[in-house]
Amino acid sequence: MEVDAGRAGGGPVTPQAPGTSDRTRVRLNIGLYAVALVCVAAIGLLGSHIWGKVDGSGGFWDHAADVVRDPTADAGSRAGERIGDATVEALPAAGSEEQERTAGVIEAATRMSNAFLNVRYDDVEASAEAVKGLATGAFLQQYEKSTKGLETVAKRARSIQTSEVLWAGVVAVDDDSATVIVASSGTVSNKTTDSRAVPRNYRLQLSLMLQDGEWLTNDLQFVA
């Protein structure tokens, strides 16, 4: 399976109530998601524009490593250190409630990303049900409308996509809403790849809402 960027180069999006613009954006994302199942070659030509390059020379993935590294590991030893005109200060640890909320948000975003990006043409229904169980609002409505088309395209192209979340970072969070960026890596194979597994890396921005004690995705976009 192959996906396209719904909003290349865009910054973080503040969660909004479902509206016309939300439905249009979600419809576009899901539409591109289905069409791209059979467009590996064409989308590959746009890869350097849509997705950051992953090449061992540093850059994005080096920063990703910084995100997941425990910042408290050396905070105490560097407190008071001068860096240019600034002084390193040790910050107090977040409260247990905030830590639990952040952990819950990251777990929910990771589960949705894995459900959304792992799809087999011979078991699309299972993937679709997993996504719908973790979705709400405009995203759920449009995904439900697109499921049949996605199933048809995936089976026609004999598409298989596997993906694993590498890291996730919270952009913003409050008592009942959050925005999370997720990076994943995996492979896609279909008729246009002669059934060969081709590496694919994705970055997603998810907006989540807390409903009945559960964090659910109400918007999902591919970002560069």
N, C-alpha and C. Protein backbone atom coordinates (compact mmCIF):
# COMPACT_ATOMS: atom_id res chain seq x y z
N MET A 1 0.84 -1.18 0.00
CA MET A 1 0.00 0.00 0.00
C MET A 1 0.88 1.23 0.00
N GLU A 2 0.46 2.27 -0.62
CA GLU A 2 1.24 3.49 -0.71
C GLU A 2 0.35 4.65 -0.34
N VAL A 3 0.91 5.65 0.27
CA VAL A 3 0.12 6.79 0.68
C VAL A 3 0.76 8.07 0.20
N ASP A 4 -0.04 9.13 0.10
CA ASP A 4 0.45 10.42 -0.33
C ASP A 4 0.29 11.40 0.81
N ALA A 5 0.99 12.51 0.76
CA ALA A 5 0.92 13.49 1.83
C ALA A 5 -0.32 14.33 1.67
N GLY A 6 -1.13 14.38 2.73
CA GLY A 6 -2.34 15.18 2.67
C GLY A 6 -2.05 16.65 2.78
N ARG A 7 -0.92 17.01 3.49
CA ARG A 7 -0.60 18.41 3.64
C ARG A 7 0.89 18.55 3.81
N ALA A 8 1.63 18.56 2.71
CA ALA A 8 3.07 18.59 2.76
C ALA A 8 3.54 19.90 3.33
N GLY A 9 4.49 19.81 4.27
CA GLY A 9 5.14 20.99 4.80
C GLY A 9 4.32 21.77 5.78
N GLY A 10 3.10 21.33 6.12
CA GLY A 10 2.24 22.09 7.03
C GLY A 10 2.70 21.97 8.46
N GLY A 11 2.36 22.96 9.27
CA GLY A 11 2.70 22.93 10.68
C GLY A 11 1.64 22.21 11.46
N PRO A 12 1.82 22.14 12.78
CA PRO A 12 0.85 21.46 13.63
C PRO A 12 -0.53 22.05 13.50
N VAL A 13 -1.50 21.22 13.56
CA VAL A 13 -2.88 21.66 13.40
C VAL A 13 -3.59 21.55 14.73
N THR A 14 -4.25 22.60 15.15
CA THR A 14 -5.03 22.56 16.38
C THR A 14 -6.31 21.81 16.15
N PRO A 15 -6.65 20.82 16.97
CA PRO A 15 -7.89 20.06 16.78
C PRO A 15 -9.09 20.99 16.71
N GLN A 16 -9.98 20.73 15.75
CA GLN A 16 -11.17 21.53 15.57
C GLN A 16 -12.39 20.64 15.59
N ALA A 17 -13.51 21.27 15.83
CA ALA A 17 -14.77 20.53 15.75
C ALA A 17 -15.02 20.17 14.30
N PRO A 18 -15.62 19.00 14.02
CA PRO A 18 -15.90 18.60 12.65
C PRO A 18 -16.66 19.67 11.91
N GLY A 19 -16.21 19.98 10.70
CA GLY A 19 -16.85 21.00 9.89
C GLY A 19 -16.57 20.71 8.44
N THR A 20 -16.92 21.64 7.59
CA THR A 20 -16.75 21.43 6.16
C THR A 20 -15.30 21.25 5.80
N SER A 21 -14.43 22.12 6.32
CA SER A 21 -13.01 22.02 5.97
C SER A 21 -12.42 20.72 6.48
N ASP A 22 -12.81 20.26 7.66
CA ASP A 22 -12.32 19.00 8.20
C ASP A 22 -12.74 17.83 7.32
N ARG A 23 -14.02 17.83 6.93
CA ARG A 23 -14.50 16.72 6.10
C ARG A 23 -13.78 16.70 4.76
N THR A 24 -13.54 17.87 4.18
CA THR A 24 -12.85 17.93 2.89
C THR A 24 -11.43 17.40 3.01
N ARG A 25 -10.73 17.82 4.08
CA ARG A 25 -9.36 17.38 4.26
C ARG A 25 -9.29 15.88 4.50
N VAL A 26 -10.17 15.37 5.34
CA VAL A 26 -10.17 13.94 5.63
C VAL A 26 -10.50 13.15 4.38
N ARG A 27 -11.50 13.63 3.61
CA ARG A 27 -11.88 12.94 2.37
C ARG A 27 -10.70 12.90 1.41
N LEU A 28 -9.96 14.00 1.31
CA LEU A 28 -8.81 14.06 0.43
C LEU A 28 -7.74 13.09 0.86
N ASN A 29 -7.44 13.05 2.17
CA ASN A 29 -6.42 12.14 2.68
C ASN A 29 -6.77 10.68 2.38
N ILE A 30 -8.01 10.30 2.67
CA ILE A 30 -8.41 8.91 2.46
C ILE A 30 -8.48 8.59 0.97
N GLY A 31 -8.91 9.55 0.16
CA GLY A 31 -8.95 9.33 -1.28
C GLY A 31 -7.56 9.09 -1.84
N LEU A 32 -6.61 9.92 -1.46
CA LEU A 32 -5.24 9.74 -1.91
C LEU A 32 -4.66 8.42 -1.40
N TYR A 33 -5.05 8.06 -0.21
CA TYR A 33 -4.58 6.81 0.40
C TYR A 33 -4.96 5.62 -0.47
N ALA A 34 -6.21 5.61 -0.95
CA ALA A 34 -6.67 4.50 -1.77
C ALA A 34 -6.04 4.54 -3.16
N VAL A 35 -6.04 5.72 -3.80
CA VAL A 35 -5.49 5.83 -5.15
C VAL A 35 -4.02 5.44 -5.17
N ALA A 36 -3.28 5.82 -4.13
CA ALA A 36 -1.84 5.56 -4.10
C ALA A 36 -1.50 4.09 -3.95
N LEU A 37 -2.47 3.25 -3.66
CA LEU A 37 -2.22 1.81 -3.58
C LEU A 37 -1.62 1.27 -4.86
N VAL A 38 -1.97 1.87 -5.99
CA VAL A 38 -1.50 1.37 -7.27
C VAL A 38 -0.62 2.38 -7.98
N CYS A 39 -0.03 3.31 -7.21
CA CYS A 39 0.77 4.37 -7.83
C CYS A 39 2.17 4.44 -7.24
N VAL A 40 2.78 3.30 -6.95
CA VAL A 40 4.09 3.30 -6.32
C VAL A 40 5.13 4.01 -7.18
N ALA A 41 5.16 3.71 -8.46
CA ALA A 41 6.18 4.29 -9.33
C ALA A 41 6.03 5.79 -9.43
N ALA A 42 4.80 6.27 -9.64
CA ALA A 42 4.59 7.71 -9.80
C ALA A 42 4.89 8.45 -8.52
N ILE A 43 4.44 7.92 -7.40
CA ILE A 43 4.67 8.60 -6.14
C ILE A 43 6.14 8.57 -5.77
N GLY A 44 6.85 7.52 -6.19
CA GLY A 44 8.27 7.45 -5.91
C GLY A 44 9.03 8.63 -6.48
N LEU A 45 8.58 9.14 -7.64
CA LEU A 45 9.23 10.29 -8.25
C LEU A 45 9.06 11.54 -7.42
N LEU A 46 8.01 11.58 -6.60
CA LEU A 46 7.75 12.74 -5.77
C LEU A 46 8.27 12.56 -4.35
N GLY A 47 8.89 11.41 -4.10
CA GLY A 47 9.27 11.08 -2.73
C GLY A 47 10.14 12.11 -2.05
N SER A 48 11.12 12.63 -2.78
CA SER A 48 12.04 13.57 -2.14
C SER A 48 11.34 14.86 -1.76
N HIS A 49 10.21 15.17 -2.42
CA HIS A 49 9.46 16.38 -2.10
C HIS A 49 8.48 16.15 -0.96
N ILE A 50 7.86 14.97 -0.96
CA ILE A 50 6.80 14.71 0.01
C ILE A 50 7.35 14.22 1.33
N TRP A 51 8.30 13.30 1.29
CA TRP A 51 8.85 12.76 2.52
C TRP A 51 10.31 13.17 2.67
N GLY A 52 10.76 13.35 3.91
CA GLY A 52 12.18 13.62 4.15
C GLY A 52 12.99 12.40 3.76
N LYS A 53 14.17 12.61 3.24
CA LYS A 53 15.01 11.49 2.84
C LYS A 53 15.62 10.84 4.07
N VAL A 54 15.72 9.51 4.00
CA VAL A 54 16.32 8.76 5.10
C VAL A 54 17.61 8.17 4.58
N ASP A 55 18.75 8.70 4.99
CA ASP A 55 20.00 8.28 4.37
C ASP A 55 21.13 8.12 5.36
N GLY A 56 21.23 7.87 6.40
CA GLY A 56 22.38 7.63 7.24
C GLY A 56 23.29 8.82 7.45
N SER A 57 23.07 9.94 6.74
CA SER A 57 23.98 11.08 6.87
C SER A 57 23.51 12.05 7.94
N GLY A 58 22.42 11.74 8.60
CA GLY A 58 21.94 12.63 9.64
C GLY A 58 20.64 13.28 9.24
N GLY A 59 20.32 14.38 9.86
CA GLY A 59 19.11 15.10 9.50
C GLY A 59 17.94 14.65 10.34
N PHE A 60 16.83 14.38 9.66
CA PHE A 60 15.56 14.11 10.35
C PHE A 60 15.68 12.99 11.37
N TRP A 61 16.27 11.85 10.97
CA TRP A 61 16.27 10.71 11.88
C TRP A 61 17.21 10.94 13.06
N ASP A 62 18.24 11.77 12.87
CA ASP A 62 19.07 12.12 14.02
C ASP A 62 18.27 12.90 15.04
N HIS A 63 17.43 13.83 14.54
CA HIS A 63 16.57 14.59 15.44
C HIS A 63 15.54 13.68 16.09
N ALA A 64 15.07 12.69 15.34
CA ALA A 64 14.11 11.74 15.90
C ALA A 64 14.74 11.01 17.08
N ALA A 65 16.02 10.67 16.96
CA ALA A 65 16.70 9.99 18.06
C ALA A 65 16.74 10.89 19.28
N ASP A 66 16.92 12.20 19.06
CA ASP A 66 16.92 13.14 20.17
C ASP A 66 15.57 13.17 20.86
N VAL A 67 14.50 13.02 20.08
CA VAL A 67 13.15 13.07 20.64
C VAL A 67 12.92 11.92 21.60
N VAL A 68 13.36 10.72 21.21
CA VAL A 68 13.05 9.55 22.03
C VAL A 68 14.09 9.33 23.13
N ARG A 69 15.23 10.01 23.07
CA ARG A 69 16.21 9.86 24.12
C ARG A 69 15.70 10.49 25.41
N ASP A 70 15.95 9.87 26.53
CA ASP A 70 15.48 10.38 27.82
C ASP A 70 16.22 11.66 28.17
N PRO A 71 15.54 12.81 28.19
CA PRO A 71 16.22 14.08 28.45
C PRO A 71 16.66 14.23 29.89
N THR A 72 16.16 13.37 30.78
CA THR A 72 16.54 13.49 32.19
C THR A 72 17.84 12.74 32.50
N ALA A 73 18.32 11.98 31.51
CA ALA A 73 19.49 11.13 31.77
C ALA A 73 20.70 11.95 32.18
N ASP A 74 20.90 13.12 31.56
CA ASP A 74 22.07 13.91 31.92
C ASP A 74 21.69 15.33 32.32
N ALA A 75 20.41 15.56 32.60
CA ALA A 75 19.96 16.91 32.94
C ALA A 75 20.61 17.41 34.21
N GLY A 76 20.68 16.53 35.21
CA GLY A 76 21.25 16.95 36.47
C GLY A 76 22.71 17.33 36.34
N SER A 77 23.48 16.53 35.61
CA SER A 77 24.90 16.78 35.49
C SER A 77 25.20 18.02 34.66
N ARG A 78 24.24 18.46 33.80
CA ARG A 78 24.49 19.62 32.95
C ARG A 78 23.85 20.89 33.49
N ALA A 79 23.11 20.78 34.57
CA ALA A 79 22.48 21.96 35.15
C ALA A 79 23.55 22.98 35.51
N GLY A 80 23.32 24.23 35.11
CA GLY A 80 24.27 25.29 35.37
C GLY A 80 25.29 25.48 34.26
N GLU A 81 25.35 24.54 33.33
CA GLU A 81 26.32 24.64 32.23
C GLU A 81 25.95 25.79 31.29
N ARG A 82 26.95 26.52 30.85
CA ARG A 82 26.73 27.62 29.93
C ARG A 82 26.83 27.12 28.49
N ILE A 83 25.81 27.44 27.67
CA ILE A 83 25.83 27.13 26.25
C ILE A 83 25.57 28.44 25.52
N GLY A 84 26.62 29.04 25.00
CA GLY A 84 26.48 30.35 24.40
C GLY A 84 26.12 31.36 25.48
N ASP A 85 25.02 32.07 25.26
CA ASP A 85 24.56 33.06 26.24
C ASP A 85 23.54 32.49 27.20
N ALA A 86 23.24 31.18 27.07
CA ALA A 86 22.21 30.56 27.89
C ALA A 86 22.82 29.65 28.94
N THR A 87 22.03 29.37 29.97
CA THR A 87 22.44 28.48 31.05
C THR A 87 21.45 27.33 31.13
N VAL A 88 21.97 26.09 31.20
CA VAL A 88 21.12 24.91 31.30
C VAL A 88 20.48 24.87 32.67
N GLU A 89 19.15 24.68 32.69
CA GLU A 89 18.43 24.56 33.94
C GLU A 89 17.70 23.23 34.00
N ALA A 90 17.77 22.57 35.13
CA ALA A 90 17.05 21.30 35.32
C ALA A 90 15.60 21.61 35.63
N LEU A 91 14.69 21.03 34.86
CA LEU A 91 13.26 21.26 35.06
C LEU A 91 12.66 20.16 35.94
N PRO A 92 11.69 20.49 36.73
CA PRO A 92 11.06 19.46 37.57
C PRO A 92 10.29 18.46 36.71
N ALA A 93 10.22 17.22 37.16
CA ALA A 93 9.49 16.19 36.42
C ALA A 93 8.00 16.52 36.41
N ALA A 94 7.33 16.12 35.35
CA ALA A 94 5.90 16.35 35.24
C ALA A 94 5.17 15.54 36.30
N GLY A 95 3.99 16.01 36.69
CA GLY A 95 3.20 15.30 37.67
C GLY A 95 2.70 13.97 37.13
N SER A 96 2.30 13.08 38.01
CA SER A 96 1.88 11.74 37.59
C SER A 96 0.67 11.80 36.67
N GLU A 97 -0.27 12.72 36.92
CA GLU A 97 -1.45 12.83 36.08
C GLU A 97 -1.07 13.23 34.65
N GLU A 98 -0.16 14.19 34.53
CA GLU A 98 0.28 14.62 33.20
C GLU A 98 1.04 13.51 32.49
N GLN A 99 1.86 12.79 33.22
CA GLN A 99 2.61 11.68 32.63
C GLN A 99 1.66 10.60 32.12
N GLU A 100 0.64 10.27 32.91
CA GLU A 100 -0.32 9.26 32.50
C GLU A 100 -1.10 9.70 31.27
N ARG A 101 -1.49 10.98 31.22
CA ARG A 101 -2.22 11.50 30.07
C ARG A 101 -1.36 11.44 28.82
N THR A 102 -0.11 11.85 28.93
CA THR A 102 0.80 11.84 27.79
C THR A 102 1.03 10.41 27.30
N ALA A 103 1.22 9.49 28.23
CA ALA A 103 1.42 8.08 27.85
C ALA A 103 0.20 7.52 27.14
N GLY A 104 -1.00 7.89 27.63
CA GLY A 104 -2.23 7.41 27.01
C GLY A 104 -2.40 7.95 25.60
N VAL A 105 -2.04 9.21 25.40
CA VAL A 105 -2.15 9.84 24.08
C VAL A 105 -1.20 9.17 23.09
N ILE A 106 0.04 8.95 23.51
CA ILE A 106 1.03 8.32 22.63
C ILE A 106 0.62 6.89 22.29
N GLU A 107 0.11 6.16 23.28
CA GLU A 107 -0.34 4.78 23.03
C GLU A 107 -1.48 4.76 22.01
N ALA A 108 -2.45 5.68 22.16
CA ALA A 108 -3.59 5.72 21.25
C ALA A 108 -3.15 6.08 19.83
N ALA A 109 -2.25 7.05 19.69
CA ALA A 109 -1.76 7.45 18.38
C ALA A 109 -0.97 6.32 17.73
N THR A 110 -0.20 5.59 18.52
CA THR A 110 0.57 4.46 18.00
C THR A 110 -0.35 3.35 17.51
N ARG A 111 -1.38 3.05 18.28
CA ARG A 111 -2.33 2.00 17.88
C ARG A 111 -3.04 2.37 16.59
N MET A 112 -3.48 3.63 16.47
CA MET A 112 -4.15 4.06 15.26
C MET A 112 -3.21 3.99 14.06
N SER A 113 -1.99 4.47 14.21
CA SER A 113 -1.04 4.46 13.10
C SER A 113 -0.77 3.04 12.62
N ASN A 114 -0.59 2.12 13.54
CA ASN A 114 -0.36 0.73 13.15
C ASN A 114 -1.57 0.12 12.47
N ALA A 115 -2.76 0.44 12.96
CA ALA A 115 -3.98 -0.09 12.34
C ALA A 115 -4.16 0.49 10.94
N PHE A 116 -3.90 1.77 10.79
CA PHE A 116 -4.12 2.46 9.52
C PHE A 116 -3.11 2.06 8.45
N LEU A 117 -1.87 1.79 8.84
CA LEU A 117 -0.81 1.55 7.87
C LEU A 117 -0.50 0.08 7.62
N ASN A 118 -1.07 -0.83 8.40
CA ASN A 118 -0.86 -2.25 8.16
C ASN A 118 -2.12 -2.84 7.52
N VAL A 119 -2.02 -3.13 6.23
CA VAL A 119 -3.20 -3.59 5.48
C VAL A 119 -2.78 -4.69 4.50
N ARG A 120 -3.59 -5.73 4.43
CA ARG A 120 -3.41 -6.80 3.45
C ARG A 120 -4.65 -6.86 2.56
N TYR A 121 -4.41 -7.05 1.26
CA TYR A 121 -5.53 -7.10 0.32
C TYR A 121 -6.49 -8.24 0.63
N ASP A 122 -5.96 -9.31 1.25
CA ASP A 122 -6.80 -10.47 1.53
C ASP A 122 -7.46 -10.42 2.91
N ASP A 123 -7.28 -9.30 3.61
CA ASP A 123 -7.92 -9.15 4.92
C ASP A 123 -8.14 -7.66 5.24
N VAL A 124 -8.62 -6.93 4.24
CA VAL A 124 -8.84 -5.50 4.42
C VAL A 124 -9.88 -5.23 5.50
N GLU A 125 -10.86 -6.10 5.59
CA GLU A 125 -11.94 -5.88 6.55
C GLU A 125 -11.41 -5.78 7.97
N ALA A 126 -10.44 -6.63 8.32
CA ALA A 126 -9.90 -6.61 9.68
C ALA A 126 -9.21 -5.28 9.96
N SER A 127 -8.44 -4.79 8.98
CA SER A 127 -7.76 -3.50 9.15
C SER A 127 -8.76 -2.37 9.29
N ALA A 128 -9.80 -2.40 8.46
CA ALA A 128 -10.81 -1.35 8.50
C ALA A 128 -11.53 -1.32 9.84
N GLU A 129 -11.87 -2.48 10.38
CA GLU A 129 -12.55 -2.54 11.66
C GLU A 129 -11.65 -2.02 12.78
N ALA A 130 -10.36 -2.32 12.70
CA ALA A 130 -9.42 -1.84 13.71
C ALA A 130 -9.35 -0.32 13.69
N VAL A 131 -9.29 0.27 12.49
CA VAL A 131 -9.23 1.73 12.35
C VAL A 131 -10.51 2.36 12.90
N LYS A 132 -11.64 1.83 12.50
CA LYS A 132 -12.92 2.42 12.93
C LYS A 132 -13.10 2.34 14.44
N GLY A 133 -12.55 1.31 15.05
CA GLY A 133 -12.66 1.18 16.50
C GLY A 133 -11.84 2.20 17.26
N LEU A 134 -10.92 2.87 16.56
CA LEU A 134 -10.04 3.85 17.20
C LEU A 134 -10.30 5.26 16.71
N ALA A 135 -11.38 5.44 15.93
CA ALA A 135 -11.66 6.73 15.29
C ALA A 135 -12.96 7.35 15.79
N THR A 136 -13.12 8.64 15.52
CA THR A 136 -14.33 9.36 15.88
C THR A 136 -14.48 10.57 14.96
N GLY A 137 -15.61 11.26 15.05
CA GLY A 137 -15.81 12.51 14.34
C GLY A 137 -15.71 12.41 12.83
N ALA A 138 -15.17 13.48 12.22
CA ALA A 138 -15.09 13.56 10.76
C ALA A 138 -14.25 12.45 10.17
N PHE A 139 -13.17 12.08 10.85
CA PHE A 139 -12.31 11.03 10.32
C PHE A 139 -13.06 9.70 10.24
N LEU A 140 -13.79 9.35 11.28
CA LEU A 140 -14.55 8.11 11.28
C LEU A 140 -15.60 8.12 10.18
N GLN A 141 -16.32 9.21 10.03
CA GLN A 141 -17.37 9.30 9.03
C GLN A 141 -16.83 9.09 7.62
N GLN A 142 -15.74 9.77 7.30
CA GLN A 142 -15.20 9.66 5.95
C GLN A 142 -14.51 8.32 5.72
N TYR A 143 -13.89 7.77 6.75
CA TYR A 143 -13.26 6.46 6.59
C TYR A 143 -14.31 5.40 6.32
N GLU A 144 -15.42 5.47 7.02
CA GLU A 144 -16.49 4.50 6.79
C GLU A 144 -17.00 4.58 5.35
N LYS A 145 -17.11 5.79 4.82
CA LYS A 145 -17.58 5.96 3.45
C LYS A 145 -16.56 5.44 2.43
N SER A 146 -15.28 5.44 2.81
CA SER A 146 -14.23 5.07 1.87
C SER A 146 -13.80 3.61 1.97
N THR A 147 -14.29 2.90 2.97
CA THR A 147 -13.81 1.55 3.21
C THR A 147 -14.02 0.62 2.02
N LYS A 148 -15.18 0.67 1.40
CA LYS A 148 -15.46 -0.23 0.28
C LYS A 148 -14.53 0.05 -0.88
N GLY A 149 -14.32 1.32 -1.19
CA GLY A 149 -13.41 1.66 -2.27
C GLY A 149 -11.98 1.24 -1.97
N LEU A 150 -11.56 1.41 -0.72
CA LEU A 150 -10.23 1.00 -0.32
C LEU A 150 -10.07 -0.51 -0.48
N GLU A 151 -11.08 -1.25 -0.09
CA GLU A 151 -11.04 -2.71 -0.23
C GLU A 151 -10.92 -3.13 -1.69
N THR A 152 -11.70 -2.47 -2.55
CA THR A 152 -11.67 -2.80 -3.98
C THR A 152 -10.30 -2.54 -4.59
N VAL A 153 -9.73 -1.38 -4.29
CA VAL A 153 -8.43 -1.01 -4.85
C VAL A 153 -7.34 -1.94 -4.33
N ALA A 154 -7.36 -2.24 -3.02
CA ALA A 154 -6.34 -3.09 -2.44
C ALA A 154 -6.37 -4.50 -3.04
N LYS A 155 -7.56 -5.04 -3.22
CA LYS A 155 -7.67 -6.39 -3.79
C LYS A 155 -7.28 -6.41 -5.25
N ARG A 156 -7.66 -5.38 -5.98
CA ARG A 156 -7.31 -5.32 -7.40
C ARG A 156 -5.80 -5.25 -7.59
N ALA A 157 -5.13 -4.49 -6.73
CA ALA A 157 -3.68 -4.32 -6.85
C ALA A 157 -2.91 -5.39 -6.08
N ARG A 158 -3.63 -6.22 -5.31
CA ARG A 158 -3.00 -7.24 -4.47
C ARG A 158 -1.94 -6.57 -3.56
N SER A 159 -2.37 -5.52 -2.91
CA SER A 159 -1.46 -4.71 -2.10
C SER A 159 -1.30 -5.27 -0.69
N ILE A 160 -0.07 -5.24 -0.23
CA ILE A 160 0.25 -5.62 1.14
C ILE A 160 1.17 -4.54 1.71
N GLN A 161 0.75 -3.92 2.79
CA GLN A 161 1.60 -2.93 3.44
C GLN A 161 1.83 -3.33 4.88
N THR A 162 3.10 -3.30 5.28
CA THR A 162 3.46 -3.52 6.67
C THR A 162 4.15 -2.26 7.18
N SER A 163 3.92 -1.92 8.41
CA SER A 163 4.52 -0.70 8.96
C SER A 163 4.62 -0.80 10.47
N GLU A 164 5.63 -0.16 11.01
CA GLU A 164 5.85 -0.16 12.46
C GLU A 164 6.20 1.25 12.91
N VAL A 165 5.58 1.69 13.97
CA VAL A 165 5.86 3.02 14.51
C VAL A 165 7.24 3.01 15.14
N LEU A 166 8.08 3.98 14.71
CA LEU A 166 9.42 4.11 15.26
C LEU A 166 9.44 5.04 16.47
N TRP A 167 8.71 6.13 16.38
CA TRP A 167 8.64 7.05 17.51
C TRP A 167 7.38 7.89 17.39
N ALA A 168 6.98 8.47 18.51
CA ALA A 168 5.83 9.35 18.53
C ALA A 168 6.12 10.48 19.51
N GLY A 169 5.70 11.70 19.14
CA GLY A 169 5.93 12.85 19.99
C GLY A 169 4.67 13.68 20.13
N VAL A 170 4.37 14.12 21.34
CA VAL A 170 3.19 14.94 21.60
C VAL A 170 3.51 16.39 21.25
N VAL A 171 2.71 16.97 20.34
CA VAL A 171 2.87 18.37 19.96
C VAL A 171 2.11 19.26 20.94
N ALA A 172 0.90 18.86 21.30
CA ALA A 172 0.08 19.62 22.23
C ALA A 172 -0.91 18.67 22.90
N VAL A 173 -1.23 18.94 24.15
CA VAL A 173 -2.19 18.10 24.86
C VAL A 173 -2.84 18.91 25.97
N ASP A 174 -4.14 18.70 26.16
CA ASP A 174 -4.83 19.25 27.32
C ASP A 174 -5.74 18.17 27.87
N ASP A 175 -6.74 18.54 28.64
CA ASP A 175 -7.55 17.54 29.34
C ASP A 175 -8.31 16.61 28.40
N ASP A 176 -8.74 17.11 27.21
CA ASP A 176 -9.57 16.27 26.35
C ASP A 176 -9.21 16.32 24.87
N SER A 177 -8.05 16.86 24.52
CA SER A 177 -7.63 16.88 23.12
C SER A 177 -6.11 16.85 23.04
N ALA A 178 -5.59 16.36 21.92
CA ALA A 178 -4.14 16.26 21.76
C ALA A 178 -3.77 16.19 20.29
N THR A 179 -2.55 16.60 19.98
CA THR A 179 -1.99 16.46 18.64
C THR A 179 -0.67 15.72 18.77
N VAL A 180 -0.50 14.69 17.95
CA VAL A 180 0.68 13.82 18.04
C VAL A 180 1.28 13.63 16.65
N ILE A 181 2.61 13.66 16.57
CA ILE A 181 3.33 13.33 15.34
C ILE A 181 3.91 11.93 15.49
N VAL A 182 3.72 11.10 14.47
CA VAL A 182 4.21 9.72 14.50
C VAL A 182 5.06 9.45 13.26
N ALA A 183 6.17 8.77 13.45
CA ALA A 183 7.01 8.34 12.32
C ALA A 183 7.01 6.82 12.28
N SER A 184 6.86 6.26 11.09
CA SER A 184 6.82 4.81 10.96
C SER A 184 7.66 4.38 9.76
N SER A 185 8.01 3.12 9.75
CA SER A 185 8.81 2.57 8.66
C SER A 185 8.27 1.18 8.33
N GLY A 186 8.29 0.83 7.04
CA GLY A 186 7.79 -0.48 6.64
C GLY A 186 8.01 -0.74 5.17
N THR A 187 7.17 -1.58 4.59
CA THR A 187 7.29 -1.92 3.17
C THR A 187 5.91 -1.97 2.53
N VAL A 188 5.90 -1.85 1.21
CA VAL A 188 4.67 -1.99 0.44
C VAL A 188 4.96 -2.85 -0.79
N SER A 189 4.03 -3.72 -1.12
CA SER A 189 4.16 -4.52 -2.33
C SER A 189 2.80 -4.61 -3.00
N ASN A 190 2.80 -4.59 -4.33
CA ASN A 190 1.57 -4.77 -5.10
C ASN A 190 1.95 -5.11 -6.53
N LYS A 191 1.01 -5.08 -7.44
CA LYS A 191 1.28 -5.47 -8.81
C LYS A 191 2.33 -4.57 -9.47
N THR A 192 2.32 -3.29 -9.12
CA THR A 192 3.27 -2.38 -9.77
C THR A 192 4.70 -2.58 -9.28
N THR A 193 4.88 -3.28 -8.17
CA THR A 193 6.23 -3.60 -7.70
C THR A 193 6.58 -5.05 -8.01
N ASP A 194 5.75 -5.71 -8.82
CA ASP A 194 5.94 -7.13 -9.13
C ASP A 194 5.98 -7.95 -7.85
N SER A 195 5.17 -7.53 -6.88
CA SER A 195 5.03 -8.21 -5.59
C SER A 195 6.30 -8.17 -4.76
N ARG A 196 7.24 -7.31 -5.12
CA ARG A 196 8.43 -7.11 -4.30
C ARG A 196 8.14 -6.11 -3.20
N ALA A 197 8.66 -6.35 -2.01
CA ALA A 197 8.47 -5.43 -0.90
C ALA A 197 9.41 -4.24 -1.05
N VAL A 198 8.84 -3.06 -1.17
CA VAL A 198 9.60 -1.82 -1.36
C VAL A 198 9.55 -1.02 -0.05
N PRO A 199 10.69 -0.55 0.45
CA PRO A 199 10.69 0.21 1.70
C PRO A 199 9.87 1.49 1.59
N ARG A 200 9.12 1.80 2.64
CA ARG A 200 8.35 3.04 2.69
C ARG A 200 8.36 3.58 4.12
N ASN A 201 8.55 4.88 4.25
CA ASN A 201 8.56 5.55 5.55
C ASN A 201 7.50 6.63 5.55
N TYR A 202 6.77 6.75 6.64
CA TYR A 202 5.67 7.71 6.72
C TYR A 202 5.76 8.53 7.99
N ARG A 203 5.22 9.73 7.90
CA ARG A 203 5.02 10.55 9.08
C ARG A 203 3.56 11.00 9.09
N LEU A 204 2.93 10.83 10.23
CA LEU A 204 1.51 11.17 10.37
C LEU A 204 1.33 12.21 11.47
N GLN A 205 0.36 13.07 11.28
CA GLN A 205 -0.09 13.96 12.35
C GLN A 205 -1.52 13.57 12.71
N LEU A 206 -1.73 13.24 13.96
CA LEU A 206 -3.04 12.80 14.42
C LEU A 206 -3.59 13.77 15.45
N SER A 207 -4.86 14.10 15.30
CA SER A 207 -5.58 14.86 16.32
C SER A 207 -6.48 13.88 17.06
N LEU A 208 -6.44 13.93 18.38
CA LEU A 208 -7.20 12.99 19.20
C LEU A 208 -8.12 13.72 20.16
N MET A 209 -9.22 13.05 20.51
CA MET A 209 -10.17 13.57 21.48
C MET A 209 -10.43 12.50 22.53
N LEU A 210 -10.61 12.94 23.76
CA LEU A 210 -10.92 12.01 24.85
C LEU A 210 -12.43 11.84 24.93
N GLN A 211 -12.90 10.60 24.70
CA GLN A 211 -14.32 10.31 24.74
C GLN A 211 -14.55 9.07 25.61
N ASP A 212 -15.34 9.25 26.65
CA ASP A 212 -15.66 8.15 27.57
C ASP A 212 -14.39 7.46 28.07
N GLY A 213 -13.37 8.26 28.37
CA GLY A 213 -12.15 7.73 28.93
C GLY A 213 -11.18 7.13 27.93
N GLU A 214 -11.48 7.25 26.62
CA GLU A 214 -10.62 6.67 25.60
C GLU A 214 -10.20 7.75 24.60
N TRP A 215 -8.91 7.75 24.24
CA TRP A 215 -8.40 8.69 23.25
C TRP A 215 -8.66 8.14 21.85
N LEU A 216 -9.45 8.89 21.05
CA LEU A 216 -9.82 8.47 19.70
C LEU A 216 -9.35 9.51 18.69
N THR A 217 -9.03 9.05 17.49
CA THR A 217 -8.52 9.94 16.43
C THR A 217 -9.68 10.58 15.68
N ASN A 218 -9.67 11.92 15.60
CA ASN A 218 -10.71 12.61 14.83
C ASN A 218 -10.14 13.32 13.60
N ASP A 219 -8.82 13.24 13.41
CA ASP A 219 -8.21 13.74 12.18
C ASP A 219 -6.86 13.08 12.02
N LEU A 220 -6.52 12.78 10.76
CA LEU A 220 -5.23 12.14 10.47
C LEU A 220 -4.73 12.70 9.16
N GLN A 221 -3.47 13.16 9.16
CA GLN A 221 -2.88 13.72 7.96
C GLN A 221 -1.47 13.16 7.76
N PHE A 222 -1.07 13.04 6.49
CA PHE A 222 0.31 12.71 6.18
C PHE A 222 1.08 14.02 6.06
N VAL A 223 2.24 14.08 6.69
CA VAL A 223 3.02 15.30 6.68
C VAL A 223 4.45 15.00 6.23
N ALA A 224 5.11 16.06 5.72
CA ALA A 224 6.49 15.90 5.26
C ALA A 224 7.45 16.06 6.42
